[in-house]
Protein backbone atom coordinates (compact mmCIF):
# COMPACT_ATOMS: atom_id res chain seq x y z
CA MET A 1 16.98 0.00 -10.34
CA ARG A 2 18.90 2.41 -8.40
CA ILE A 3 16.74 2.58 -5.52
CA PHE A 4 16.17 -0.87 -4.57
CA GLY A 5 20.20 -1.48 -4.19
CA MET A 6 20.19 0.09 -0.80
CA PHE A 7 17.47 -2.53 0.85
CA ARG A 8 18.81 -5.41 -0.86
CA GLY A 9 19.32 -8.08 1.86
CA MET A 10 17.97 -5.36 4.66
CA LYS A 11 15.19 -7.27 6.50
CA THR A 12 12.12 -5.66 6.38
CA ARG A 13 11.34 -3.66 9.89
CA PRO A 14 8.56 -3.66 11.94
CA VAL A 15 5.54 -1.75 10.90
CA LEU A 16 4.80 1.82 11.94
CA LEU A 17 1.22 0.82 13.03
CA TRP A 18 0.36 4.31 13.85
CA LEU A 19 0.80 5.25 9.72
CA ILE A 20 -1.13 2.59 8.87
CA GLY A 21 -3.64 3.03 11.48
CA ALA A 22 -4.37 6.78 10.69
CA GLY A 23 -4.52 5.81 6.71
CA LEU A 24 -7.52 3.12 7.98
CA SER A 25 -8.94 5.42 10.35
CA GLY A 26 -10.66 6.84 8.02
CA ALA A 27 -12.09 3.50 6.34
CA LEU A 28 -13.27 2.69 9.60
CA MET A 29 -15.17 5.47 10.96
CA SER A 30 -18.31 7.12 9.29
CA GLY A 31 -17.49 6.62 5.57
CA GLU A 32 -18.43 10.34 4.18
CA ALA A 33 -17.66 10.86 1.11
CA SER A 34 -15.78 14.23 2.21
CA ALA A 35 -12.75 12.22 3.81
CA VAL A 36 -9.49 14.08 3.94
CA TYR A 37 -6.49 11.16 3.22
CA PHE A 38 -2.89 11.82 3.75
CA ILE A 39 -2.01 9.96 0.58
CA THR A 40 -4.68 9.18 -1.44
CA GLY A 41 -4.41 6.26 -4.16
CA ASN A 42 -3.44 9.44 -6.98
CA VAL A 43 -0.84 10.90 -4.52
CA LEU A 44 0.69 7.08 -4.39
CA LEU A 45 0.33 6.38 -7.89
CA ASP A 46 2.62 9.17 -8.73
CA ARG A 47 5.00 8.62 -6.26
CA CYS A 48 5.50 4.88 -7.02
CA THR A 49 5.98 5.77 -10.73
CA ALA A 50 8.17 9.06 -9.74
CA SER A 51 11.60 9.11 -12.04
CA GLN A 52 14.10 7.79 -10.54
CA THR A 53 16.99 10.82 -10.86
CA GLY A 54 16.55 14.17 -8.29
CA ASN A 55 13.78 14.31 -6.22
CA GLY A 56 12.18 11.44 -7.70
CA LEU A 57 14.64 9.24 -5.19
CA THR A 58 12.61 10.56 -2.19
CA ASP A 59 9.35 9.73 -3.80
CA LEU A 60 9.91 6.35 -4.28
CA ALA A 61 11.84 6.12 -1.62
CA PHE A 62 8.48 7.16 0.23
CA CYS A 63 7.07 4.67 -1.40
CA ALA A 64 8.87 1.94 -0.91
CA GLY A 65 8.46 2.42 2.54
CA TYR A 66 5.23 2.66 2.25
CA VAL A 67 4.09 0.05 0.88
CA THR A 68 6.45 -2.17 2.68
CA ASP A 69 4.84 -1.02 6.31
CA ILE A 70 1.71 -2.12 4.79
CA ALA A 71 2.81 -5.80 3.48
CA ASP A 72 4.58 -6.51 6.96
CA THR A 73 1.32 -4.93 8.71
CA LEU A 74 -1.02 -7.49 6.46
CA ASP A 75 1.19 -10.06 5.89
CA ARG A 76 -0.75 -13.46 7.86
CA THR A 77 -3.47 -10.89 9.37
CA THR A 78 -6.93 -10.50 8.57
CA ILE A 79 -7.91 -7.00 8.58
CA THR A 80 -11.79 -5.68 8.34
CA VAL A 81 -12.16 -2.65 5.83
CA SER A 82 -15.00 -0.22 5.25
CA PRO A 83 -14.08 1.78 2.14
CA ASP A 84 -15.64 4.94 1.06
CA SER A 85 -17.50 2.90 -1.70
CA GLY A 86 -19.47 1.18 0.90
CA GLY A 87 -19.66 -2.79 1.49
CA HIS A 88 -16.55 -4.23 3.75
CA TRP A 89 -13.53 -6.68 2.55
CA GLN A 90 -12.32 -8.96 4.68
CA ILE A 91 -8.41 -8.69 3.84
CA ARG A 92 -5.25 -10.99 4.25
CA ALA A 93 -2.10 -11.83 2.95
CA CYS A 94 0.75 -13.85 3.00
CA VAL A 95 3.62 -12.42 0.77
CA PRO A 96 6.01 -15.04 0.19
CA THR A 97 9.50 -15.50 1.19
CA GLY A 98 11.43 -13.66 -1.29
CA VAL A 99 9.04 -10.98 -2.55
CA SER A 100 11.14 -7.89 -3.15
CA ILE A 101 9.98 -4.15 -2.12
CA SER A 102 10.24 -3.56 -5.75
CA GLN A 103 7.79 -6.54 -6.20
CA LEU A 104 5.20 -5.18 -3.97
CA MET A 105 5.46 -1.62 -5.21
CA ASP A 106 4.76 -3.22 -9.05
CA VAL A 107 1.68 -4.99 -7.32
CA VAL A 108 0.42 -1.48 -6.00
CA VAL A 109 1.08 0.51 -9.09
CA ARG A 110 -0.38 -2.08 -11.25
CA TYR A 111 -3.55 -2.32 -9.31
CA LEU A 112 -4.20 1.57 -8.81
CA ARG A 113 -3.58 1.58 -12.59
CA ALA A 114 -6.33 -0.52 -13.55
CA SER A 115 -8.59 1.02 -11.15
CA PRO A 116 -8.73 4.96 -11.88
CA ASP A 117 -12.16 4.77 -10.51
CA VAL A 118 -11.24 4.50 -6.72
CA ARG A 119 -8.00 6.29 -6.55
CA HIS A 120 -8.92 8.95 -5.31
CA PHE A 121 -9.39 6.65 -1.94
CA ASN A 122 -7.74 6.09 0.88
CA GLY A 123 -3.72 4.99 -0.60
CA SER A 124 -3.43 2.37 2.02
CA ILE A 125 -6.97 1.06 1.65
CA LEU A 126 -5.82 0.34 -2.16
CA ALA A 127 -2.40 -0.93 -1.54
CA THR A 128 -3.70 -3.18 1.20
CA LYS A 129 -6.20 -4.47 -1.24
CA ALA A 130 -3.89 -4.61 -4.29
CA ILE A 131 -1.27 -6.67 -1.78
CA SER A 132 -3.77 -9.20 -0.67
CA GLU A 133 -5.21 -10.16 -4.13
CA ALA A 134 -1.84 -10.85 -5.21
CA PHE A 135 -0.59 -12.96 -2.44
CA PRO A 136 -4.14 -14.71 -0.88
CA CYS A 137 -3.04 -17.07 1.66
CA ARG A 138 -4.00 -20.64 0.62
CA SER A 139 -5.43 -21.83 3.62
């Protein structure tokens, strides 16, 4: 894919924790059904599956950054979230060395396509769940 050429050889940069924190804060608060998110699973899926031409490149670059930041934050860190659906998830991921940004995007897209019933929830929570399920810590 053309967009990923610009990411080749780059180390993933430190996460913009405020971005993830802003996304997680809605889920960690009261869990009201009327919560509003900047990026829902529906929006994230649209951006991560955009065309590789024109404005689609901007959407794909957004997706790459969003998913990479989540993976960097999540890697070997345990996070407890309370999604709108109720309950709590203890989430931890151990992303192996060598996993590419396009792989992370594929993982998130596969999860979102398989979970249409929750795509209206916070995109960062859904991407976090997708990455943690794909790359669980073994110990």
